[in-house]
Amino acid sequence: MSKHLSRRQALTLGLAPALAFDVLAQAPQAPTELSIGFMPGPYRDAFTQGIAPQLERAGYRIKYVEFSQGVQPNDAVHRGQIHANIFQHSLYLESSNKSQGFDLVPIVNVPTPPMGLYSQRHKTLATVPDGATVTLPSDPVNAARALNILAALGWVKLKPGVDPIAVSERDVTGNVKKLKLVAIDAAQAPRSLADADLAAVQGNFAVASGLKLTDALKQENMTLPYVNVVAVKRANANAPFAQALVAAYKAPEFERLFRANPVWAGYRLPDYFSKG
């Protein structure tokens, strides 16, 4: 669990799967609309197939709201236009809270496709030449993820002892492979494959653009702060609808469905899924 979570958030995230039936059974009997925000990517599909049916049986009516820019779903939750969103990891959420003055919290982790290095020009990492152009996300949090992948390959060197979740280009002390690092909007990373040797593509954008996770030349070693979350307003963290969302994700029904679908192969699974 991320060290950035408060004790209250930790308790919410730690809701045991065994409580799923009880929590969902306490949901309203009359249909109650629940508005959920998404960005392009895989999270709506998993929600539609595995979460919505549970919530609908419990009396909720789901309204899906699509957004095209990263700050929009958080702004909509902040303003009360939607109840929750599913598109970001907790570090991005914290950054958004700080820069925009929001007060949103994560309530449960969700299965998440990892960031990876993709290429249309090269079939293996061994054929990537010195001086190659590599696109990486322009936002600091996800740029750090890309730099960590490059560092793991030995292509760049980072300052000793630097916090791996707060790396920036200022922490690069050596560019062993003489890479040309180009920062772009994260959503444009798949398109950049036409012009770059490599692109560091966040998993949700990879899936949305039709890239296979298993085709990445290198995937990140995804740690918990980068696993995506369901986010709500802090005041709603223990509201019935929030607890119902947590229970639905942690229900064995959802895990069985997720593991059985080959489309979701390669995802980083949440810790509440059974081992194996």
C-alpha atoms as a PDB file:
ATOM      1  CA  MET A   1       0.000   0.000   0.000  1.00  0.00           C
ATOM      2  CA  SER A   2       1.293   3.467  -0.865  1.00  0.00           C
ATOM      3  CA  LYS A   3       2.915   5.311   1.996  1.00  0.00           C
ATOM      4  CA  HIS A   4       1.035   8.378   0.833  1.00  0.00           C
ATOM      5  CA  LEU A   5      -2.356   7.027   1.952  1.00  0.00           C
ATOM      6  CA  SER A   6      -3.859   8.235   5.197  1.00  0.00           C
ATOM      7  CA  ARG A   7      -4.996   5.725   7.835  1.00  0.00           C
ATOM      8  CA  ARG A   8      -8.608   6.409   6.931  1.00  0.00           C
ATOM      9  CA  GLN A   9      -7.914   5.763   3.235  1.00  0.00           C
ATOM     10  CA  ALA A  10      -5.998   2.626   4.141  1.00  0.00           C
ATOM     11  CA  LEU A  11      -8.968   1.292   6.042  1.00  0.00           C
ATOM     12  CA  THR A  12     -11.196   1.933   3.047  1.00  0.00           C
ATOM     13  CA  LEU A  13      -8.755   0.347   0.612  1.00  0.00           C
ATOM     14  CA  GLY A  14      -8.405  -2.580   2.963  1.00  0.00           C
ATOM     15  CA  LEU A  15     -12.058  -3.582   2.934  1.00  0.00           C
ATOM     16  CA  ALA A  16     -12.014  -7.365   2.962  1.00  0.00           C
ATOM     17  CA  PRO A  17     -13.547  -9.228  -0.008  1.00  0.00           C
ATOM     18  CA  ALA A  18     -15.717 -11.157   2.442  1.00  0.00           C
ATOM     19  CA  LEU A  19     -17.603  -7.940   3.195  1.00  0.00           C
ATOM     20  CA  ALA A  20     -18.599  -7.450  -0.447  1.00  0.00           C
ATOM     21  CA  PHE A  21     -21.977  -9.142  -0.143  1.00  0.00           C
ATOM     22  CA  ASP A  22     -22.917  -7.277   3.052  1.00  0.00           C
ATOM     23  CA  VAL A  23     -21.907  -3.858   1.693  1.00  0.00           C
ATOM     24  CA  LEU A  24     -23.678  -4.322  -1.628  1.00  0.00           C
ATOM     25  CA  ALA A  25     -26.739  -5.671   0.162  1.00  0.00           C
ATOM     26  CA  GLN A  26     -26.991  -2.384   2.068  1.00  0.00           C
ATOM     27  CA  ALA A  27     -27.174  -0.334  -1.133  1.00  0.00           C
ATOM     28  CA  PRO A  28     -30.433   1.556  -1.844  1.00  0.00           C
ATOM     29  CA  GLN A  29     -33.364  -0.510  -3.033  1.00  0.00           C
ATOM     30  CA  ALA A  30     -34.715   2.278  -5.254  1.00  0.00           C
ATOM     31  CA  PRO A  31     -32.596   2.959  -8.372  1.00  0.00           C
ATOM     32  CA  THR A  32     -29.994   5.612  -7.571  1.00  0.00           C
ATOM     33  CA  GLU A  33     -27.889   7.148 -10.348  1.00  0.00           C
ATOM     34  CA  LEU A  34     -24.148   6.774  -9.936  1.00  0.00           C
ATOM     35  CA  SER A  35     -22.043   8.858 -12.334  1.00  0.00           C
ATOM     36  CA  ILE A  36     -18.567   7.483 -13.070  1.00  0.00           C
ATOM     37  CA  GLY A  37     -15.920   9.280 -15.143  1.00  0.00           C
ATOM     38  CA  PHE A  38     -13.404   7.641 -17.485  1.00  0.00           C
ATOM     39  CA  MET A  39     -10.626   8.571 -19.878  1.00  0.00           C
ATOM     40  CA  PRO A  40     -10.000   6.559 -23.074  1.00  0.00           C
ATOM     41  CA  GLY A  41      -8.568   3.206 -22.081  1.00  0.00           C
ATOM     42  CA  PRO A  42      -9.424  -0.136 -20.519  1.00  0.00           C
ATOM     43  CA  TYR A  43     -11.030   0.880 -17.250  1.00  0.00           C
ATOM     44  CA  ARG A  44     -14.530   1.420 -18.571  1.00  0.00           C
ATOM     45  CA  ASP A  45     -14.582  -2.030 -20.191  1.00  0.00           C
ATOM     46  CA  ALA A  46     -13.594  -3.748 -16.941  1.00  0.00           C
ATOM     47  CA  PHE A  47     -16.118  -1.649 -15.029  1.00  0.00           C
ATOM     48  CA  THR A  48     -18.932  -2.307 -17.512  1.00  0.00           C
ATOM     49  CA  GLN A  49     -18.386  -6.059 -17.518  1.00  0.00           C
ATOM     50  CA  GLY A  50     -17.415  -6.768 -13.922  1.00  0.00           C
ATOM     51  CA  ILE A  51     -18.491  -3.923 -11.654  1.00  0.00           C
ATOM     52  CA  ALA A  52     -21.658  -2.392 -13.088  1.00  0.00           C
ATOM     53  CA  PRO A  53     -23.676  -5.650 -12.972  1.00  0.00           C
ATOM     54  CA  GLN A  54     -23.010  -5.973  -9.245  1.00  0.00           C
ATOM     55  CA  LEU A  55     -23.973  -2.359  -8.577  1.00  0.00           C
ATOM     56  CA  GLU A  56     -27.087  -2.593 -10.727  1.00  0.00           C
ATOM     57  CA  ARG A  57     -28.266  -5.670  -8.844  1.00  0.00           C
ATOM     58  CA  ALA A  58     -27.814  -3.640  -5.658  1.00  0.00           C
ATOM     59  CA  GLY A  59     -30.067  -0.846  -6.933  1.00  0.00           C
ATOM     60  CA  TYR A  60     -27.697   1.592  -8.635  1.00  0.00           C
ATOM     61  CA  ARG A  61     -28.180   2.981 -12.137  1.00  0.00           C
ATOM     62  CA  ILE A  62     -24.835   3.736 -13.802  1.00  0.00           C
ATOM     63  CA  LYS A  63     -24.137   6.849 -15.867  1.00  0.00           C
ATOM     64  CA  TYR A  64     -20.865   6.759 -17.828  1.00  0.00           C
ATOM     65  CA  VAL A  65     -19.105  10.062 -18.476  1.00  0.00           C
ATOM     66  CA  GLU A  66     -16.143  10.220 -20.885  1.00  0.00           C
ATOM     67  CA  PHE A  67     -13.363  12.819 -20.709  1.00  0.00           C
ATOM     68  CA  SER A  68     -10.485  13.650 -23.038  1.00  0.00           C
ATOM     69  CA  GLN A  69      -8.001  15.481 -20.789  1.00  0.00           C
ATOM     70  CA  GLY A  70      -6.415  14.316 -17.549  1.00  0.00           C
ATOM     71  CA  VAL A  71      -7.547  17.107 -15.236  1.00  0.00           C
ATOM     72  CA  GLN A  72     -11.191  17.005 -16.355  1.00  0.00           C
ATOM     73  CA  PRO A  73     -12.323  13.866 -14.479  1.00  0.00           C
ATOM     74  CA  ASN A  74     -10.863  15.169 -11.207  1.00  0.00           C
ATOM     75  CA  ASP A  75     -12.424  18.585 -11.713  1.00  0.00           C
ATOM     76  CA  ALA A  76     -15.796  16.923 -12.320  1.00  0.00           C
ATOM     77  CA  VAL A  77     -15.552  14.926  -9.073  1.00  0.00           C
ATOM     78  CA  HIS A  78     -14.414  18.053  -7.213  1.00  0.00           C
ATOM     79  CA  ARG A  79     -17.417  20.018  -8.506  1.00  0.00           C
ATOM     80  CA  GLY A  80     -19.844  17.202  -7.722  1.00  0.00           C
ATOM     81  CA  GLN A  81     -20.709  16.651 -11.386  1.00  0.00           C
ATOM     82  CA  ILE A  82     -19.790  12.961 -11.080  1.00  0.00           C
ATOM     83  CA  HIS A  83     -19.412  10.694  -8.055  1.00  0.00           C
ATOM     84  CA  ALA A  84     -16.101   9.013  -8.893  1.00  0.00           C
ATOM     85  CA  ASN A  85     -13.540   8.533 -11.613  1.00  0.00           C
ATOM     86  CA  ILE A  86     -11.315   5.658 -12.697  1.00  0.00           C
ATOM     87  CA  PHE A  87      -8.281   6.636 -14.767  1.00  0.00           C
ATOM     88  CA  GLN A  88      -5.265   7.574 -12.605  1.00  0.00           C
ATOM     89  CA  HIS A  89      -2.755   6.331 -10.061  1.00  0.00           C
ATOM     90  CA  SER A  90      -2.479   7.816  -6.589  1.00  0.00           C
ATOM     91  CA  LEU A  91       0.626   9.890  -7.358  1.00  0.00           C
ATOM     92  CA  TYR A  92      -1.086  11.632 -10.260  1.00  0.00           C
ATOM     93  CA  LEU A  93      -4.089  12.179  -8.008  1.00  0.00           C
ATOM     94  CA  GLU A  94      -1.918  13.774  -5.330  1.00  0.00           C
ATOM     95  CA  SER A  95      -0.245  15.988  -7.909  1.00  0.00           C
ATOM     96  CA  SER A  96      -3.638  17.056  -9.242  1.00  0.00           C
ATOM     97  CA  ASN A  97      -4.899  17.799  -5.735  1.00  0.00           C
ATOM     98  CA  LYS A  98      -1.871  19.985  -5.069  1.00  0.00           C
ATOM     99  CA  SER A  99      -1.870  21.890  -8.351  1.00  0.00           C
ATOM    100  CA  GLN A 100      -5.645  22.346  -8.665  1.00  0.00           C
ATOM    101  CA  GLY A 101      -6.721  22.638  -5.033  1.00  0.00           C
ATOM    102  CA  PHE A 102      -8.839  19.471  -5.146  1.00  0.00           C
ATOM    103  CA  ASP A 103      -9.468  17.224  -2.142  1.00  0.00           C
ATOM    104  CA  LEU A 104      -9.942  13.794  -3.696  1.00  0.00           C
ATOM    105  CA  VAL A 105      -8.869  10.437  -2.257  1.00  0.00           C
ATOM    106  CA  PRO A 106      -8.356   6.908  -3.607  1.00  0.00           C
ATOM    107  CA  ILE A 107     -10.723   4.279  -2.243  1.00  0.00           C
ATOM    108  CA  VAL A 108      -9.603   1.093  -4.030  1.00  0.00           C
ATOM    109  CA  ASN A 109      -6.894  -0.017  -6.455  1.00  0.00           C
ATOM    110  CA  VAL A 110      -7.946  -1.507  -9.803  1.00  0.00           C
ATOM    111  CA  PRO A 111      -6.224  -3.835 -12.305  1.00  0.00           C
ATOM    112  CA  THR A 112      -3.786  -1.648 -14.256  1.00  0.00           C
ATOM    113  CA  PRO A 113      -1.823  -2.078 -17.488  1.00  0.00           C
ATOM    114  CA  PRO A 114       1.828  -1.070 -16.951  1.00  0.00           C
ATOM    115  CA  MET A 115       3.798   1.523 -18.886  1.00  0.00           C
ATOM    116  CA  GLY A 116       6.056   0.074 -21.551  1.00  0.00           C
ATOM    117  CA  LEU A 117       8.542   0.960 -24.270  1.00  0.00           C
ATOM    118  CA  TYR A 118       7.029   0.379 -27.719  1.00  0.00           C
ATOM    119  CA  SER A 119       8.477   0.709 -31.204  1.00  0.00           C
ATOM    120  CA  GLN A 120       7.408   0.414 -34.821  1.00  0.00           C
ATOM    121  CA  ARG A 121      11.004   0.598 -36.052  1.00  0.00           C
ATOM    122  CA  HIS A 122      12.710  -1.961 -33.835  1.00  0.00           C
ATOM    123  CA  LYS A 123      11.790  -5.525 -32.970  1.00  0.00           C
ATOM    124  CA  THR A 124      14.175  -5.829 -30.033  1.00  0.00           C
ATOM    125  CA  LEU A 125      16.001  -3.521 -27.660  1.00  0.00           C
ATOM    126  CA  ALA A 126      19.305  -4.738 -29.094  1.00  0.00           C
ATOM    127  CA  THR A 127      18.598  -3.042 -32.437  1.00  0.00           C
ATOM    128  CA  VAL A 128      17.882   0.382 -30.916  1.00  0.00           C
ATOM    129  CA  PRO A 129      20.859   2.579 -31.947  1.00  0.00           C
ATOM    130  CA  ASP A 130      22.743   5.162 -29.941  1.00  0.00           C
ATOM    131  CA  GLY A 131      21.156   8.574 -30.395  1.00  0.00           C
ATOM    132  CA  ALA A 132      17.665   7.094 -30.695  1.00  0.00           C
ATOM    133  CA  THR A 133      14.672   9.353 -30.167  1.00  0.00           C
ATOM    134  CA  VAL A 134      12.521   8.380 -27.198  1.00  0.00           C
ATOM    135  CA  THR A 135       9.246  10.107 -26.390  1.00  0.00           C
ATOM    136  CA  LEU A 136       8.125  10.193 -22.771  1.00  0.00           C
ATOM    137  CA  PRO A 137       5.217  11.789 -20.902  1.00  0.00           C
ATOM    138  CA  SER A 138       5.596  15.492 -20.178  1.00  0.00           C
ATOM    139  CA  ASP A 139       3.957  15.382 -16.739  1.00  0.00           C
ATOM    140  CA  PRO A 140       6.559  14.872 -13.988  1.00  0.00           C
ATOM    141  CA  VAL A 141       4.980  11.831 -12.341  1.00  0.00           C
ATOM    142  CA  ASN A 142       4.791   9.743 -15.495  1.00  0.00           C
ATOM    143  CA  ALA A 143       8.078  11.076 -16.863  1.00  0.00           C
ATOM    144  CA  ALA A 144       9.644   9.547 -13.749  1.00  0.00           C
ATOM    145  CA  ARG A 145       8.207   6.165 -14.672  1.00  0.00           C
ATOM    146  CA  ALA A 146       9.701   6.369 -18.171  1.00  0.00           C
ATOM    147  CA  LEU A 147      13.112   7.428 -16.859  1.00  0.00           C
ATOM    148  CA  ASN A 148      13.097   4.516 -14.435  1.00  0.00           C
ATOM    149  CA  ILE A 149      12.518   2.102 -17.328  1.00  0.00           C
ATOM    150  CA  LEU A 150      15.455   3.606 -19.212  1.00  0.00           C
ATOM    151  CA  ALA A 151      17.602   3.477 -16.084  1.00  0.00           C
ATOM    152  CA  ALA A 152      16.721  -0.198 -15.569  1.00  0.00           C
ATOM    153  CA  LEU A 153      18.072  -0.863 -19.068  1.00  0.00           C
ATOM    154  CA  GLY A 154      21.303   0.961 -18.226  1.00  0.00           C
ATOM    155  CA  TRP A 155      20.637   3.537 -20.936  1.00  0.00           C
ATOM    156  CA  VAL A 156      20.564   6.485 -18.525  1.00  0.00           C
ATOM    157  CA  LYS A 157      22.077   6.940 -15.088  1.00  0.00           C
ATOM    158  CA  LEU A 158      20.231   8.564 -12.204  1.00  0.00           C
ATOM    159  CA  LYS A 159      21.520  10.293  -9.104  1.00  0.00           C
ATOM    160  CA  PRO A 160      22.329   7.802  -6.336  1.00  0.00           C
ATOM    161  CA  GLY A 161      19.614   7.594  -3.702  1.00  0.00           C
ATOM    162  CA  VAL A 162      17.048   9.551  -5.709  1.00  0.00           C
ATOM    163  CA  ASP A 163      13.426   8.791  -4.825  1.00  0.00           C
ATOM    164  CA  PRO A 164      12.260   6.451  -7.628  1.00  0.00           C
ATOM    165  CA  ILE A 165       8.766   7.942  -7.579  1.00  0.00           C
ATOM    166  CA  ALA A 166      10.013  11.525  -7.894  1.00  0.00           C
ATOM    167  CA  VAL A 167      12.661  11.235 -10.604  1.00  0.00           C
ATOM    168  CA  SER A 168      12.966  14.047 -13.145  1.00  0.00           C
ATOM    169  CA  GLU A 169      15.337  14.854 -15.984  1.00  0.00           C
ATOM    170  CA  ARG A 170      17.333  16.902 -13.466  1.00  0.00           C
ATOM    171  CA  ASP A 171      18.219  13.608 -11.798  1.00  0.00           C
ATOM    172  CA  VAL A 172      19.754  12.167 -14.976  1.00  0.00           C
ATOM    173  CA  THR A 173      23.519  12.193 -14.472  1.00  0.00           C
ATOM    174  CA  GLY A 174      24.445  10.198 -17.545  1.00  0.00           C
ATOM    175  CA  ASN A 175      22.930   9.521 -20.951  1.00  0.00           C
ATOM    176  CA  VAL A 176      24.908   6.380 -21.790  1.00  0.00           C
ATOM    177  CA  LYS A 177      23.103   5.728 -25.078  1.00  0.00           C
ATOM    178  CA  LYS A 178      22.970   9.420 -26.081  1.00  0.00           C
ATOM    179  CA  LEU A 179      19.200   9.254 -26.330  1.00  0.00           C
ATOM    180  CA  LYS A 180      17.187  12.209 -27.537  1.00  0.00           C
ATOM    181  CA  LEU A 181      14.440  12.493 -24.904  1.00  0.00           C
ATOM    182  CA  VAL A 182      11.331  14.273 -26.159  1.00  0.00           C
ATOM    183  CA  ALA A 183       8.552  15.158 -23.706  1.00  0.00           C
ATOM    184  CA  ILE A 184       5.030  15.025 -25.127  1.00  0.00           C
ATOM    185  CA  ASP A 185       1.478  14.828 -23.841  1.00  0.00           C
ATOM    186  CA  ALA A 186       1.019  11.290 -22.554  1.00  0.00           C
ATOM    187  CA  ALA A 187      -2.094  10.691 -24.656  1.00  0.00           C
ATOM    188  CA  GLN A 188      -0.086  11.383 -27.837  1.00  0.00           C
ATOM    189  CA  ALA A 189       2.551   8.739 -27.095  1.00  0.00           C
ATOM    190  CA  PRO A 190       1.058   6.009 -29.338  1.00  0.00           C
ATOM    191  CA  ARG A 191       0.950   8.417 -32.285  1.00  0.00           C
ATOM    192  CA  SER A 192       4.575   9.365 -31.727  1.00  0.00           C
ATOM    193  CA  LEU A 193       5.612   5.832 -32.709  1.00  0.00           C
ATOM    194  CA  ALA A 194       5.435   6.925 -36.341  1.00  0.00           C
ATOM    195  CA  ASP A 195       8.302   9.368 -35.825  1.00  0.00           C
ATOM    196  CA  ALA A 196      10.272   8.147 -32.801  1.00  0.00           C
ATOM    197  CA  ASP A 197      12.468   5.100 -32.295  1.00  0.00           C
ATOM    198  CA  LEU A 198      10.737   4.348 -29.003  1.00  0.00           C
ATOM    199  CA  ALA A 199       7.796   5.674 -27.033  1.00  0.00           C
ATOM    200  CA  ALA A 200       7.136   5.237 -23.344  1.00  0.00           C
ATOM    201  CA  VAL A 201       3.396   4.613 -23.402  1.00  0.00           C
ATOM    202  CA  GLN A 202       1.188   4.451 -20.326  1.00  0.00           C
ATOM    203  CA  GLY A 203      -0.773   1.230 -20.242  1.00  0.00           C
ATOM    204  CA  ASN A 204      -4.204   2.800 -20.574  1.00  0.00           C
ATOM    205  CA  PHE A 205      -3.183   4.707 -23.702  1.00  0.00           C
ATOM    206  CA  ALA A 206      -1.484   1.618 -25.109  1.00  0.00           C
ATOM    207  CA  VAL A 207      -4.662  -0.429 -24.732  1.00  0.00           C
ATOM    208  CA  ALA A 208      -6.856   2.375 -26.074  1.00  0.00           C
ATOM    209  CA  SER A 209      -4.713   2.669 -29.210  1.00  0.00           C
ATOM    210  CA  GLY A 210      -4.715  -1.057 -29.913  1.00  0.00           C
ATOM    211  CA  LEU A 211      -1.181  -1.830 -28.740  1.00  0.00           C
ATOM    212  CA  LYS A 212      -0.753  -5.206 -27.045  1.00  0.00           C
ATOM    213  CA  LEU A 213       0.869  -5.047 -23.627  1.00  0.00           C
ATOM    214  CA  THR A 214       2.834  -8.166 -24.515  1.00  0.00           C
ATOM    215  CA  ASP A 215       4.364  -6.343 -27.524  1.00  0.00           C
ATOM    216  CA  ALA A 216       6.230  -3.846 -25.334  1.00  0.00           C
ATOM    217  CA  LEU A 217       9.999  -4.194 -25.689  1.00  0.00           C
ATOM    218  CA  LYS A 218      10.275  -3.427 -21.981  1.00  0.00           C
ATOM    219  CA  GLN A 219       7.654  -2.976 -19.277  1.00  0.00           C
ATOM    220  CA  GLU A 220       8.047  -1.092 -16.048  1.00  0.00           C
ATOM    221  CA  ASN A 221       8.258  -2.906 -12.754  1.00  0.00           C
ATOM    222  CA  MET A 222       4.975  -1.434 -11.589  1.00  0.00           C
ATOM    223  CA  THR A 223       4.946  -0.595  -7.885  1.00  0.00           C
ATOM    224  CA  LEU A 224       1.823   0.163  -5.889  1.00  0.00           C
ATOM    225  CA  PRO A 225       1.824   3.979  -6.137  1.00  0.00           C
ATOM    226  CA  TYR A 226       1.412   3.591  -9.914  1.00  0.00           C
ATOM    227  CA  VAL A 227      -1.485   1.128  -9.737  1.00  0.00           C
ATOM    228  CA  ASN A 228      -4.645   2.986 -10.703  1.00  0.00           C
ATOM    229  CA  VAL A 229      -7.426   3.841  -8.291  1.00  0.00           C
ATOM    230  CA  VAL A 230     -11.060   4.793  -7.979  1.00  0.00           C
ATOM    231  CA  ALA A 231     -11.099   8.408  -6.752  1.00  0.00           C
ATOM    232  CA  VAL A 232     -13.859  10.264  -4.885  1.00  0.00           C
ATOM    233  CA  LYS A 233     -14.174  13.444  -2.837  1.00  0.00           C
ATOM    234  CA  ARG A 234     -12.697  13.003   0.625  1.00  0.00           C
ATOM    235  CA  ALA A 235     -16.095  13.773   2.167  1.00  0.00           C
ATOM    236  CA  ASN A 236     -17.564  10.807   0.272  1.00  0.00           C
ATOM    237  CA  ALA A 237     -14.836   8.262   1.073  1.00  0.00           C
ATOM    238  CA  ASN A 238     -17.133   6.338   3.424  1.00  0.00           C
ATOM    239  CA  ALA A 239     -20.416   7.065   1.653  1.00  0.00           C
ATOM    240  CA  PRO A 240     -22.548   4.022   0.760  1.00  0.00           C
ATOM    241  CA  PHE A 241     -21.850   4.378  -2.950  1.00  0.00           C
ATOM    242  CA  ALA A 242     -18.085   4.484  -2.324  1.00  0.00           C
ATOM    243  CA  GLN A 243     -18.204   1.411  -0.119  1.00  0.00           C
ATOM    244  CA  ALA A 244     -20.311  -0.359  -2.761  1.00  0.00           C
ATOM    245  CA  LEU A 245     -17.664   0.430  -5.399  1.00  0.00           C
ATOM    246  CA  VAL A 246     -14.925  -0.983  -3.164  1.00  0.00           C
ATOM    247  CA  ALA A 247     -16.944  -4.115  -2.436  1.00  0.00           C
ATOM    248  CA  ALA A 248     -17.695  -4.723  -6.117  1.00  0.00           C
ATOM    249  CA  TYR A 249     -14.011  -4.534  -7.091  1.00  0.00           C
ATOM    250  CA  LYS A 250     -13.045  -6.869  -4.256  1.00  0.00           C
ATOM    251  CA  ALA A 251     -15.794  -9.389  -4.946  1.00  0.00           C
ATOM    252  CA  PRO A 252     -14.628 -12.831  -6.159  1.00  0.00           C
ATOM    253  CA  GLU A 253     -17.032 -12.410  -9.090  1.00  0.00           C
ATOM    254  CA  PHE A 254     -14.909  -9.597 -10.517  1.00  0.00           C
ATOM    255  CA  GLU A 255     -11.621 -11.441 -10.040  1.00  0.00           C
ATOM    256  CA  ARG A 256     -12.944 -14.550 -11.800  1.00  0.00           C
ATOM    257  CA  LEU A 257     -14.142 -12.494 -14.769  1.00  0.00           C
ATOM    258  CA  PHE A 258     -10.909 -10.522 -15.028  1.00  0.00           C
ATOM    259  CA  ARG A 259      -8.609 -13.518 -14.879  1.00  0.00           C
ATOM    260  CA  ALA A 260     -10.687 -15.435 -17.443  1.00  0.00           C
ATOM    261  CA  ASN A 261     -10.472 -12.758 -20.166  1.00  0.00           C
ATOM    262  CA  PRO A 262      -7.279 -12.967 -22.293  1.00  0.00           C
ATOM    263  CA  VAL A 263      -7.799  -9.354 -23.352  1.00  0.00           C
ATOM    264  CA  TRP A 264      -6.571  -8.355 -19.900  1.00  0.00           C
ATOM    265  CA  ALA A 265      -3.379 -10.408 -19.947  1.00  0.00           C
ATOM    266  CA  GLY A 266      -0.330  -8.482 -18.776  1.00  0.00           C
ATOM    267  CA  TYR A 267      -2.104  -6.267 -16.249  1.00  0.00           C
ATOM    268  CA  ARG A 268      -0.695  -5.520 -12.812  1.00  0.00           C
ATOM    269  CA  LEU A 269      -3.302  -7.116 -10.559  1.00  0.00           C
ATOM    270  CA  PRO A 270      -4.360  -5.479  -7.282  1.00  0.00           C
ATOM    271  CA  ASP A 271      -3.125  -6.987  -4.037  1.00  0.00           C
ATOM    272  CA  TYR A 272      -6.634  -8.025  -2.956  1.00  0.00           C
ATOM    273  CA  PHE A 273      -6.805 -10.551  -5.795  1.00  0.00           C
ATOM    274  CA  SER A 274      -5.927 -14.072  -4.678  1.00  0.00           C
ATOM    275  CA  LYS A 275      -2.353 -15.186  -5.232  1.00  0.00           C
ATOM    276  CA  GLY A 276      -1.596 -17.417  -8.190  1.00  0.00           C
END
